[in-house]
Amino acid sequence: MIKFSRVFREKFTVEDAALVENIFQKYFATLIDRDVKVGYTSTPVLGKAYYELDTILIRKISPHTIAHELMHIAQHNMRNRIPTGERSCDVFTCALGEDVCDSVTYLSTHNASPEVIHSVCKEAVEKRSQGFRNYISWAEEQFEKRAKEGPSGWARLWSGK
């Protein structure tokens, strides 16, 4: 369950709070088995997570920022087997769904589309589960390669490429 601070409610809209709730319910309700407090940070970072306090602080509302900070809380529950660190947090966050691939911060995505970012990150997480330890650098190479290839499937047919 999500609990919002008074300052969060003052700084953000009801729609922003609903976005946080939706992302939590869609992706994290099974990964985080306790209440998470959501507040506001005035520091220059987009967000912060304090896993020992089950708290995230957000300055900029975006699907990726919300999911990324919640992933930090999920990382510290050992049963999830999610490695710690910012770059692995981004990979595991983007593997959740295209809707949380909007403003990736710690990975070099080479301007790949959210569809490509999600697909590559899903593959990278699978590779890691099979023992492949260079999954992050592999993902960044794939972003670059696939971004250069351009649109795929229907998008390529539609654009005439």
Foldseek 3Di string as FASTA:
>chain_A
DEAEDPQQPVVDDPVLVVLLVVLCVLFPCVLDPDYAYEEADPDPDQKAEDLVVSYIHGHDRALQSSLLNSLQNSCPPVVVVQDDDNLSSLLVSLLSDLRNQPDRDPAQLVPAHSVLSNVLSVVLVVVVVVPDDCSRVVSNVSSNVVVVVPDDDPVCVVVVD
